[in-house]
Amino acid sequence: MTVIRKGDRVAIISGKDLGVQGRVLEVVRKKGRILVEGVNQVTRHEKVRMGRRGNQEGGITHKEAPVDISNVALVCPNDGPTRAGFRVEDATGAKIRVCRKCGTEL
């Protein structure tokens, strides 16, 4: 089970983009990988193609590639990169993600 979800703020803890923070765009649970905004940029060489709505421009484009989920850590607004834990609310019985360092809700 992963505690990282789409829209979370994460920090890269290993690899070529070490220390960079970004927002999660997509989580691929089956492969254990996530797509982080502005991290692991790859270069694509695209052809000029005819689309339904007109011409698509070709050339060199840059886009994000997935990184392994073990190479990122959630970012707490107070503490920075941290691990996440869970707390169960008594009234509703809902599980809430909390920061392991300070206990604030993530």
PDB file of N, CA and C in Angstrom:
ATOM      1  N   MET A   1       0.846  -1.178   0.000  1.00  0.00           N
ATOM      2  CA  MET A   1       0.000   0.000   0.000  1.00  0.00           C
ATOM      3  C   MET A   1       0.893   1.244   0.000  1.00  0.00           C
ATOM      4  N   THR A   2       0.581   2.169  -0.852  1.00  0.00           N
ATOM      5  CA  THR A   2       1.343   3.398  -0.913  1.00  0.00           C
ATOM      6  C   THR A   2       0.561   4.527  -0.257  1.00  0.00           C
ATOM      7  N   VAL A   3       1.288   5.436   0.355  1.00  0.00           N
ATOM      8  CA  VAL A   3       0.641   6.568   1.017  1.00  0.00           C
ATOM      9  C   VAL A   3       0.679   7.806   0.142  1.00  0.00           C
ATOM     10  N   ILE A   4       1.298   7.702  -1.021  1.00  0.00           N
ATOM     11  CA  ILE A   4       1.411   8.847  -1.915  1.00  0.00           C
ATOM     12  C   ILE A   4       0.255   8.826  -2.898  1.00  0.00           C
ATOM     13  N   ARG A   5      -0.390   9.973  -3.047  1.00  0.00           N
ATOM     14  CA  ARG A   5      -1.555  10.087  -3.919  1.00  0.00           C
ATOM     15  C   ARG A   5      -1.362  11.217  -4.913  1.00  0.00           C
ATOM     16  N   LYS A   6      -2.214  11.249  -5.917  1.00  0.00           N
ATOM     17  CA  LYS A   6      -2.183  12.307  -6.917  1.00  0.00           C
ATOM     18  C   LYS A   6      -2.427  13.653  -6.242  1.00  0.00           C
ATOM     19  N   GLY A   7      -1.617  14.645  -6.595  1.00  0.00           N
ATOM     20  CA  GLY A   7      -1.761  15.977  -6.027  1.00  0.00           C
ATOM     21  C   GLY A   7      -0.889  16.241  -4.813  1.00  0.00           C
ATOM     22  N   ASP A   8      -0.257  15.202  -4.241  1.00  0.00           N
ATOM     23  CA  ASP A   8       0.616  15.388  -3.084  1.00  0.00           C
ATOM     24  C   ASP A   8       1.902  16.098  -3.497  1.00  0.00           C
ATOM     25  N   ARG A   9       2.514  16.757  -2.536  1.00  0.00           N
ATOM     26  CA  ARG A   9       3.827  17.378  -2.759  1.00  0.00           C
ATOM     27  C   ARG A   9       4.872  16.390  -2.262  1.00  0.00           C
ATOM     28  N   VAL A  10       5.850  16.051  -3.120  1.00  0.00           N
ATOM     29  CA  VAL A  10       6.877  15.079  -2.763  1.00  0.00           C
ATOM     30  C   VAL A  10       8.259  15.651  -3.052  1.00  0.00           C
ATOM     31  N   ALA A  11       9.272  15.059  -2.399  1.00  0.00           N
ATOM     32  CA  ALA A  11      10.665  15.421  -2.622  1.00  0.00           C
ATOM     33  C   ALA A  11      11.400  14.185  -3.120  1.00  0.00           C
ATOM     34  N   ILE A  12      12.318  14.384  -4.056  1.00  0.00           N
ATOM     35  CA  ILE A  12      13.121  13.281  -4.575  1.00  0.00           C
ATOM     36  C   ILE A  12      14.264  13.045  -3.601  1.00  0.00           C
ATOM     37  N   ILE A  13      14.425  11.781  -3.144  1.00  0.00           N
ATOM     38  CA  ILE A  13      15.447  11.476  -2.144  1.00  0.00           C
ATOM     39  C   ILE A  13      16.617  10.692  -2.717  1.00  0.00           C
ATOM     40  N   SER A  14      16.570  10.303  -3.998  1.00  0.00           N
ATOM     41  CA  SER A  14      17.712   9.655  -4.637  1.00  0.00           C
ATOM     42  C   SER A  14      17.588   9.796  -6.144  1.00  0.00           C
ATOM     43  N   GLY A  15      18.722   9.705  -6.818  1.00  0.00           N
ATOM     44  CA  GLY A  15      18.735   9.798  -8.277  1.00  0.00           C
ATOM     45  C   GLY A  15      19.264  11.133  -8.756  1.00  0.00           C
ATOM     46  N   LYS A  16      19.127  11.364 -10.050  1.00  0.00           N
ATOM     47  CA  LYS A  16      19.715  12.564 -10.650  1.00  0.00           C
ATOM     48  C   LYS A  16      19.020  13.854 -10.239  1.00  0.00           C
ATOM     49  N   ASP A  17      17.779  13.782  -9.792  1.00  0.00           N
ATOM     50  CA  ASP A  17      17.026  14.973  -9.385  1.00  0.00           C
ATOM     51  C   ASP A  17      16.939  15.098  -7.868  1.00  0.00           C
ATOM     52  N   LEU A  18      17.958  14.632  -7.159  1.00  0.00           N
ATOM     53  CA  LEU A  18      17.980  14.626  -5.701  1.00  0.00           C
ATOM     54  C   LEU A  18      17.698  16.011  -5.127  1.00  0.00           C
ATOM     55  N   GLY A  19      16.733  16.090  -4.202  1.00  0.00           N
ATOM     56  CA  GLY A  19      16.408  17.337  -3.530  1.00  0.00           C
ATOM     57  C   GLY A  19      15.311  18.157  -4.189  1.00  0.00           C
ATOM     58  N   VAL A  20      14.914  17.803  -5.399  1.00  0.00           N
ATOM     59  CA  VAL A  20      13.887  18.562  -6.114  1.00  0.00           C
ATOM     60  C   VAL A  20      12.512  18.199  -5.557  1.00  0.00           C
ATOM     61  N   GLN A  21      11.658  19.197  -5.400  1.00  0.00           N
ATOM     62  CA  GLN A  21      10.289  18.959  -4.944  1.00  0.00           C
ATOM     63  C   GLN A  21       9.321  19.225  -6.078  1.00  0.00           C
ATOM     64  N   GLY A  22       8.219  18.485  -6.098  1.00  0.00           N
ATOM     65  CA  GLY A  22       7.214  18.675  -7.131  1.00  0.00           C
ATOM     66  C   GLY A  22       5.895  18.050  -6.737  1.00  0.00           C
ATOM     67  N   ARG A  23       4.888  18.277  -7.562  1.00  0.00           N
ATOM     68  CA  ARG A  23       3.535  17.767  -7.324  1.00  0.00           C
ATOM     69  C   ARG A  23       3.348  16.471  -8.103  1.00  0.00           C
ATOM     70  N   VAL A  24       2.662  15.491  -7.509  1.00  0.00           N
ATOM     71  CA  VAL A  24       2.418  14.205  -8.155  1.00  0.00           C
ATOM     72  C   VAL A  24       1.320  14.373  -9.193  1.00  0.00           C
ATOM     73  N   LEU A  25       1.623  14.003 -10.435  1.00  0.00           N
ATOM     74  CA  LEU A  25       0.651  14.092 -11.525  1.00  0.00           C
ATOM     75  C   LEU A  25      -0.118  12.790 -11.714  1.00  0.00           C
ATOM     76  N   GLU A  26       0.555  11.659 -11.473  1.00  0.00           N
ATOM     77  CA  GLU A  26      -0.076  10.361 -11.704  1.00  0.00           C
ATOM     78  C   GLU A  26       0.629   9.306 -10.870  1.00  0.00           C
ATOM     79  N   VAL A  27      -0.127   8.322 -10.374  1.00  0.00           N
ATOM     80  CA  VAL A  27       0.427   7.198  -9.627  1.00  0.00           C
ATOM     81  C   VAL A  27       0.076   5.922 -10.379  1.00  0.00           C
ATOM     82  N   VAL A  28       1.106   5.127 -10.726  1.00  0.00           N
ATOM     83  CA  VAL A  28       0.907   3.845 -11.410  1.00  0.00           C
ATOM     84  C   VAL A  28       1.185   2.762 -10.372  1.00  0.00           C
ATOM     85  N   ARG A  29       0.139   2.294  -9.687  1.00  0.00           N
ATOM     86  CA  ARG A  29       0.294   1.378  -8.567  1.00  0.00           C
ATOM     87  C   ARG A  29       0.828   0.009  -8.980  1.00  0.00           C
ATOM     88  N   LYS A  30       0.398  -0.508 -10.128  1.00  0.00           N
ATOM     89  CA  LYS A  30       0.843  -1.838 -10.557  1.00  0.00           C
ATOM     90  C   LYS A  30       2.347  -1.895 -10.772  1.00  0.00           C
ATOM     91  N   LYS A  31       2.916  -0.820 -11.295  1.00  0.00           N
ATOM     92  CA  LYS A  31       4.345  -0.793 -11.579  1.00  0.00           C
ATOM     93  C   LYS A  31       5.149  -0.146 -10.459  1.00  0.00           C
ATOM     94  N   GLY A  32       4.480   0.455  -9.472  1.00  0.00           N
ATOM     95  CA  GLY A  32       5.175   1.091  -8.363  1.00  0.00           C
ATOM     96  C   GLY A  32       5.926   2.347  -8.769  1.00  0.00           C
ATOM     97  N   ARG A  33       5.342   3.118  -9.673  1.00  0.00           N
ATOM     98  CA  ARG A  33       6.007   4.310 -10.187  1.00  0.00           C
ATOM     99  C   ARG A  33       5.062   5.499 -10.118  1.00  0.00           C
ATOM    100  N   ILE A  34       5.632   6.703 -10.058  1.00  0.00           N
ATOM    101  CA  ILE A  34       4.821   7.906 -10.048  1.00  0.00           C
ATOM    102  C   ILE A  34       5.405   8.929 -11.014  1.00  0.00           C
ATOM    103  N   LEU A  35       4.547   9.832 -11.463  1.00  0.00           N
ATOM    104  CA  LEU A  35       4.928  10.906 -12.363  1.00  0.00           C
ATOM    105  C   LEU A  35       4.908  12.191 -11.559  1.00  0.00           C
ATOM    106  N   VAL A  36       6.067  12.864 -11.468  1.00  0.00           N
ATOM    107  CA  VAL A  36       6.195  14.080 -10.659  1.00  0.00           C
ATOM    108  C   VAL A  36       6.471  15.253 -11.589  1.00  0.00           C
ATOM    109  N   GLU A  37       5.776  16.350 -11.348  1.00  0.00           N
ATOM    110  CA  GLU A  37       5.895  17.544 -12.181  1.00  0.00           C
ATOM    111  C   GLU A  37       7.312  18.117 -12.121  1.00  0.00           C
ATOM    112  N   GLY A  38       7.953  18.253 -13.288  1.00  0.00           N
ATOM    113  CA  GLY A  38       9.265  18.859 -13.386  1.00  0.00           C
ATOM    114  C   GLY A  38      10.429  17.974 -12.992  1.00  0.00           C
ATOM    115  N   VAL A  39      10.195  16.673 -12.806  1.00  0.00           N
ATOM    116  CA  VAL A  39      11.245  15.746 -12.378  1.00  0.00           C
ATOM    117  C   VAL A  39      11.427  14.665 -13.434  1.00  0.00           C
ATOM    118  N   ASN A  40      12.670  14.222 -13.629  1.00  0.00           N
ATOM    119  CA  ASN A  40      13.018  13.162 -14.577  1.00  0.00           C
ATOM    120  C   ASN A  40      12.576  13.529 -15.997  1.00  0.00           C
ATOM    121  N   GLN A  41      12.995  14.705 -16.434  1.00  0.00           N
ATOM    122  CA  GLN A  41      12.645  15.192 -17.771  1.00  0.00           C
ATOM    123  C   GLN A  41      13.365  14.365 -18.832  1.00  0.00           C
ATOM    124  N   VAL A  42      12.633  13.925 -19.845  1.00  0.00           N
ATOM    125  CA  VAL A  42      13.209  13.209 -20.979  1.00  0.00           C
ATOM    126  C   VAL A  42      12.911  13.991 -22.245  1.00  0.00           C
ATOM    127  N   THR A  43      13.739  13.791 -23.266  1.00  0.00           N
ATOM    128  CA  THR A  43      13.599  14.497 -24.531  1.00  0.00           C
ATOM    129  C   THR A  43      12.936  13.583 -25.548  1.00  0.00           C
ATOM    130  N   ARG A  44      11.928  14.095 -26.224  1.00  0.00           N
ATOM    131  CA  ARG A  44      11.233  13.349 -27.269  1.00  0.00           C
ATOM    132  C   ARG A  44      11.423  14.066 -28.595  1.00  0.00           C
ATOM    133  N   HIS A  45      11.738  13.313 -29.653  1.00  0.00           N
ATOM    134  CA  HIS A  45      11.822  13.862 -30.999  1.00  0.00           C
ATOM    135  C   HIS A  45      10.546  13.439 -31.718  1.00  0.00           C
ATOM    136  N   GLU A  46       9.674  14.386 -32.033  1.00  0.00           N
ATOM    137  CA  GLU A  46       8.373  14.072 -32.600  1.00  0.00           C
ATOM    138  C   GLU A  46       8.290  14.518 -34.048  1.00  0.00           C
ATOM    139  N   LYS A  47       7.622  13.680 -34.849  1.00  0.00           N
ATOM    140  CA  LYS A  47       7.395  14.002 -36.256  1.00  0.00           C
ATOM    141  C   LYS A  47       6.244  14.990 -36.400  1.00  0.00           C
ATOM    142  N   VAL A  48       6.217  15.664 -37.525  1.00  0.00           N
ATOM    143  CA  VAL A  48       5.085  16.524 -37.860  1.00  0.00           C
ATOM    144  C   VAL A  48       3.991  15.606 -38.378  1.00  0.00           C
ATOM    145  N   ARG A  49       2.822  15.667 -37.775  1.00  0.00           N
ATOM    146  CA  ARG A  49       1.719  14.779 -38.159  1.00  0.00           C
ATOM    147  C   ARG A  49       0.470  15.595 -38.414  1.00  0.00           C
ATOM    148  N   MET A  50      -0.371  15.061 -39.273  1.00  0.00           N
ATOM    149  CA  MET A  50      -1.667  15.688 -39.527  1.00  0.00           C
ATOM    150  C   MET A  50      -2.656  15.152 -38.499  1.00  0.00           C
ATOM    151  N   GLY A  51      -3.272  16.059 -37.802  1.00  0.00           N
ATOM    152  CA  GLY A  51      -4.284  15.661 -36.837  1.00  0.00           C
ATOM    153  C   GLY A  51      -5.667  15.988 -37.366  1.00  0.00           C
ATOM    154  N   ARG A  52      -6.672  15.671 -36.617  1.00  0.00           N
ATOM    155  CA  ARG A  52      -8.049  15.958 -37.030  1.00  0.00           C
ATOM    156  C   ARG A  52      -8.332  17.453 -37.018  1.00  0.00           C
ATOM    157  N   ARG A  53      -7.676  18.153 -36.096  1.00  0.00           N
ATOM    158  CA  ARG A  53      -7.943  19.583 -35.937  1.00  0.00           C
ATOM    159  C   ARG A  53      -6.857  20.453 -36.562  1.00  0.00           C
ATOM    160  N   GLY A  54      -6.064  19.895 -37.439  1.00  0.00           N
ATOM    161  CA  GLY A  54      -5.010  20.686 -38.061  1.00  0.00           C
ATOM    162  C   GLY A  54      -3.659  20.046 -37.863  1.00  0.00           C
ATOM    163  N   ASN A  55      -2.636  20.832 -38.082  1.00  0.00           N
ATOM    164  CA  ASN A  55      -1.283  20.310 -37.998  1.00  0.00           C
ATOM    165  C   ASN A  55      -0.791  20.250 -36.557  1.00  0.00           C
ATOM    166  N   GLN A  56      -0.080  19.183 -36.265  1.00  0.00           N
ATOM    167  CA  GLN A  56       0.604  19.089 -34.987  1.00  0.00           C
ATOM    168  C   GLN A  56       2.063  19.411 -35.274  1.00  0.00           C
ATOM    169  N   GLU A  57       2.627  20.298 -34.502  1.00  0.00           N
ATOM    170  CA  GLU A  57       4.004  20.683 -34.746  1.00  0.00           C
ATOM    171  C   GLU A  57       4.951  19.596 -34.274  1.00  0.00           C
ATOM    172  N   GLY A  58       5.988  19.388 -35.045  1.00  0.00           N
ATOM    173  CA  GLY A  58       7.011  18.433 -34.672  1.00  0.00           C
ATOM    174  C   GLY A  58       8.165  19.141 -33.993  1.00  0.00           C
ATOM    175  N   GLY A  59       9.193  18.399 -33.711  1.00  0.00           N
ATOM    176  CA  GLY A  59      10.374  18.983 -33.098  1.00  0.00           C
ATOM    177  C   GLY A  59      10.748  18.265 -31.819  1.00  0.00           C
ATOM    178  N   ILE A  60      11.551  18.924 -31.033  1.00  0.00           N
ATOM    179  CA  ILE A  60      12.037  18.339 -29.794  1.00  0.00           C
ATOM    180  C   ILE A  60      11.176  18.848 -28.639  1.00  0.00           C
ATOM    181  N   THR A  61      10.606  17.930 -27.884  1.00  0.00           N
ATOM    182  CA  THR A  61       9.792  18.290 -26.726  1.00  0.00           C
ATOM    183  C   THR A  61      10.371  17.632 -25.474  1.00  0.00           C
ATOM    184  N   HIS A  62      10.067  18.194 -24.332  1.00  0.00           N
ATOM    185  CA  HIS A  62      10.512  17.644 -23.048  1.00  0.00           C
ATOM    186  C   HIS A  62       9.277  17.296 -22.232  1.00  0.00           C
ATOM    187  N   LYS A  63       9.317  16.110 -21.611  1.00  0.00           N
ATOM    188  CA  LYS A  63       8.207  15.719 -20.749  1.00  0.00           C
ATOM    189  C   LYS A  63       8.729  14.868 -19.598  1.00  0.00           C
ATOM    190  N   GLU A  64       7.885  14.681 -18.590  1.00  0.00           N
ATOM    191  CA  GLU A  64       8.274  13.926 -17.412  1.00  0.00           C
ATOM    192  C   GLU A  64       8.157  12.430 -17.674  1.00  0.00           C
ATOM    193  N   ALA A  65       9.084  11.669 -17.113  1.00  0.00           N
ATOM    194  CA  ALA A  65       9.025  10.214 -17.144  1.00  0.00           C
ATOM    195  C   ALA A  65       8.793   9.741 -15.711  1.00  0.00           C
ATOM    196  N   PRO A  66       8.192   8.559 -15.540  1.00  0.00           N
ATOM    197  CA  PRO A  66       7.914   8.075 -14.184  1.00  0.00           C
ATOM    198  C   PRO A  66       9.192   7.771 -13.399  1.00  0.00           C
ATOM    199  N   VAL A  67       9.135   7.973 -12.081  1.00  0.00           N
ATOM    200  CA  VAL A  67      10.211   7.594 -11.176  1.00  0.00           C
ATOM    201  C   VAL A  67       9.665   6.545 -10.215  1.00  0.00           C
ATOM    202  N   ASP A  68      10.561   5.732  -9.652  1.00  0.00           N
ATOM    203  CA  ASP A  68      10.135   4.702  -8.714  1.00  0.00           C
ATOM    204  C   ASP A  68       9.619   5.347  -7.433  1.00  0.00           C
ATOM    205  N   ILE A  69       8.579   4.757  -6.894  1.00  0.00           N
ATOM    206  CA  ILE A  69       7.911   5.346  -5.730  1.00  0.00           C
ATOM    207  C   ILE A  69       8.795   5.300  -4.481  1.00  0.00           C
ATOM    208  N   SER A  70       9.799   4.418  -4.482  1.00  0.00           N
ATOM    209  CA  SER A  70      10.699   4.340  -3.332  1.00  0.00           C
ATOM    210  C   SER A  70      11.711   5.479  -3.323  1.00  0.00           C
ATOM    211  N   ASN A  71      11.815   6.228  -4.407  1.00  0.00           N
ATOM    212  CA  ASN A  71      12.775   7.320  -4.497  1.00  0.00           C
ATOM    213  C   ASN A  71      12.187   8.677  -4.126  1.00  0.00           C
ATOM    214  N   VAL A  72      10.975   8.700  -3.580  1.00  0.00           N
ATOM    215  CA  VAL A  72      10.349   9.957  -3.195  1.00  0.00           C
ATOM    216  C   VAL A  72       9.860   9.881  -1.752  1.00  0.00           C
ATOM    217  N   ALA A  73       9.718  11.068  -1.128  1.00  0.00           N
ATOM    218  CA  ALA A  73       9.183  11.161   0.228  1.00  0.00           C
ATOM    219  C   ALA A  73       8.146  12.272   0.252  1.00  0.00           C
ATOM    220  N   LEU A  74       7.088  12.076   1.012  1.00  0.00           N
ATOM    221  CA  LEU A  74       6.070  13.108   1.181  1.00  0.00           C
ATOM    222  C   LEU A  74       6.674  14.329   1.850  1.00  0.00           C
ATOM    223  N   VAL A  75       6.161  15.505   1.521  1.00  0.00           N
ATOM    224  CA  VAL A  75       6.655  16.745   2.112  1.00  0.00           C
ATOM    225  C   VAL A  75       5.588  17.289   3.052  1.00  0.00           C
ATOM    226  N   CYS A  76       5.962  17.441   4.313  1.00  0.00           N
ATOM    227  CA  CYS A  76       5.092  18.050   5.321  1.00  0.00           C
ATOM    228  C   CYS A  76       5.265  19.563   5.224  1.00  0.00           C
ATOM    229  N   PRO A  77       4.187  20.348   5.320  1.00  0.00           N
ATOM    230  CA  PRO A  77       4.318  21.811   5.257  1.00  0.00           C
ATOM    231  C   PRO A  77       5.210  22.383   6.367  1.00  0.00           C
ATOM    232  N   ASN A  78       5.272  21.710   7.509  1.00  0.00           N
ATOM    233  CA  ASN A  78       6.053  22.207   8.640  1.00  0.00           C
ATOM    234  C   ASN A  78       7.486  21.685   8.664  1.00  0.00           C
ATOM    235  N   ASP A  79       7.679  20.386   8.339  1.00  0.00           N
ATOM    236  CA  ASP A  79       8.962  19.725   8.556  1.00  0.00           C
ATOM    237  C   ASP A  79       9.758  19.431   7.291  1.00  0.00           C
ATOM    238  N   GLY A  80       9.159  19.506   6.128  1.00  0.00           N
ATOM    239  CA  GLY A  80       9.853  19.108   4.902  1.00  0.00           C
ATOM    240  C   GLY A  80       9.641  17.623   4.628  1.00  0.00           C
ATOM    241  N   PRO A  81      10.570  16.954   3.945  1.00  0.00           N
ATOM    242  CA  PRO A  81      10.392  15.535   3.622  1.00  0.00           C
ATOM    243  C   PRO A  81      10.262  14.691   4.884  1.00  0.00           C
ATOM    244  N   THR A  82       9.267  13.833   4.911  1.00  0.00           N
ATOM    245  CA  THR A  82       8.994  13.029   6.093  1.00  0.00           C
ATOM    246  C   THR A  82       8.294  11.734   5.697  1.00  0.00           C
ATOM    247  N   ARG A  83       8.174  10.842   6.665  1.00  0.00           N
ATOM    248  CA  ARG A  83       7.377   9.635   6.459  1.00  0.00           C
ATOM    249  C   ARG A  83       5.942   9.917   6.883  1.00  0.00           C
ATOM    250  N   ALA A  84       5.031   9.103   6.409  1.00  0.00           N
ATOM    251  CA  ALA A  84       3.621   9.302   6.747  1.00  0.00           C
ATOM    252  C   ALA A  84       3.128   8.140   7.596  1.00  0.00           C
ATOM    253  N   GLY A  85       2.277   8.463   8.537  1.00  0.00           N
ATOM    254  CA  GLY A  85       1.622   7.461   9.351  1.00  0.00           C
ATOM    255  C   GLY A  85       0.115   7.640   9.232  1.00  0.00           C
ATOM    256  N   PHE A  86      -0.627   6.831   9.957  1.00  0.00           N
ATOM    257  CA  PHE A  86      -2.079   6.912   9.909  1.00  0.00           C
ATOM    258  C   PHE A  86      -2.633   7.086  11.304  1.00  0.00           C
ATOM    259  N   ARG A  87      -3.751   7.818  11.389  1.00  0.00           N
ATOM    260  CA  ARG A  87      -4.488   7.978  12.626  1.00  0.00           C
ATOM    261  C   ARG A  87      -5.945   7.685  12.305  1.00  0.00           C
ATOM    262  N   VAL A  88      -6.629   6.957  13.163  1.00  0.00           N
ATOM    263  CA  VAL A  88      -8.037   6.631  12.953  1.00  0.00           C
ATOM    264  C   VAL A  88      -8.878   7.559  13.804  1.00  0.00           C
ATOM    265  N   GLU A  89      -9.821   8.258  13.161  1.00  0.00           N
ATOM    266  CA  GLU A  89     -10.725   9.147  13.901  1.00  0.00           C
ATOM    267  C   GLU A  89     -11.730   8.312  14.669  1.00  0.00           C
ATOM    268  N   ASP A  90     -12.010   8.698  15.887  1.00  0.00           N
ATOM    269  CA  ASP A  90     -12.936   7.947  16.734  1.00  0.00           C
ATOM    270  C   ASP A  90     -14.376   8.083  16.253  1.00  0.00           C
ATOM    271  N   ALA A  91     -14.767   9.277  15.853  1.00  0.00           N
ATOM    272  CA  ALA A  91     -16.163   9.532  15.503  1.00  0.00           C
ATOM    273  C   ALA A  91     -16.567   8.835  14.211  1.00  0.00           C
ATOM    274  N   THR A  92     -15.765   8.986  13.182  1.00  0.00           N
ATOM    275  CA  THR A  92     -16.154   8.443  11.876  1.00  0.00           C
ATOM    276  C   THR A  92     -15.454   7.138  11.537  1.00  0.00           C
ATOM    277  N   GLY A  93     -14.336   6.855  12.177  1.00  0.00           N
ATOM    278  CA  GLY A  93     -13.585   5.641  11.865  1.00  0.00           C
ATOM    279  C   GLY A  93     -12.742   5.773  10.605  1.00  0.00           C
ATOM    280  N   ALA A  94     -12.551   6.991  10.118  1.00  0.00           N
ATOM    281  CA  ALA A  94     -11.791   7.223   8.892  1.00  0.00           C
ATOM    282  C   ALA A  94     -10.297   7.254   9.199  1.00  0.00           C
ATOM    283  N   LYS A  95      -9.494   6.713   8.251  1.00  0.00           N
ATOM    284  CA  LYS A  95      -8.043   6.769   8.382  1.00  0.00           C
ATOM    285  C   LYS A  95      -7.551   8.080   7.790  1.00  0.00           C
ATOM    286  N   ILE A  96      -6.688   8.765   8.525  1.00  0.00           N
ATOM    287  CA  ILE A  96      -6.147  10.049   8.088  1.00  0.00           C
ATOM    288  C   ILE A  96      -4.626   9.945   8.058  1.00  0.00           C
ATOM    289  N   ARG A  97      -4.011  10.426   6.988  1.00  0.00           N
ATOM    290  CA  ARG A  97      -2.554  10.428   6.896  1.00  0.00           C
ATOM    291  C   ARG A  97      -2.001  11.561   7.749  1.00  0.00           C
ATOM    292  N   VAL A  98      -0.993  11.258   8.549  1.00  0.00           N
ATOM    293  CA  VAL A  98      -0.377  12.263   9.405  1.00  0.00           C
ATOM    294  C   VAL A  98       1.139  12.198   9.238  1.00  0.00           C
ATOM    295  N   CYS A  99       1.790  13.319   9.564  1.00  0.00           N
ATOM    296  CA  CYS A  99       3.248  13.418   9.532  1.00  0.00           C
ATOM    297  C   CYS A  99       3.802  12.662  10.742  1.00  0.00           C
ATOM    298  N   ARG A 100       4.835  11.857  10.530  1.00  0.00           N
ATOM    299  CA  ARG A 100       5.426  11.098  11.645  1.00  0.00           C
ATOM    300  C   ARG A 100       6.242  11.997  12.571  1.00  0.00           C
ATOM    301  N   LYS A 101       6.728  13.124  12.061  1.00  0.00           N
ATOM    302  CA  LYS A 101       7.565  14.009  12.881  1.00  0.00           C
ATOM    303  C   LYS A 101       6.731  14.877  13.820  1.00  0.00           C
ATOM    304  N   CYS A 102       5.712  15.547  13.237  1.00  0.00           N
ATOM    305  CA  CYS A 102       4.971  16.534  14.045  1.00  0.00           C
ATOM    306  C   CYS A 102       3.510  16.157  14.282  1.00  0.00           C
ATOM    307  N   GLY A 103       2.977  15.204  13.538  1.00  0.00           N
ATOM    308  CA  GLY A 103       1.606  14.762  13.745  1.00  0.00           C
ATOM    309  C   GLY A 103       0.549  15.563  13.003  1.00  0.00           C
ATOM    310  N   THR A 104       0.960  16.510  12.147  1.00  0.00           N
ATOM    311  CA  THR A 104      -0.032  17.291  11.404  1.00  0.00           C
ATOM    312  C   THR A 104      -0.621  16.447  10.276  1.00  0.00           C
ATOM    313  N   GLU A 105      -1.828  16.801   9.904  1.00  0.00           N
ATOM    314  CA  GLU A 105      -2.528  16.078   8.844  1.00  0.00           C
ATOM    315  C   GLU A 105      -1.929  16.426   7.484  1.00  0.00           C
ATOM    316  N   LEU A 106      -1.738  15.408   6.643  1.00  0.00           N
ATOM    317  CA  LEU A 106      -1.170  15.628   5.312  1.00  0.00           C
ATOM    318  C   LEU A 106      -2.260  15.668   4.265  1.00  0.00           C
TER     319      LEU A 106
END
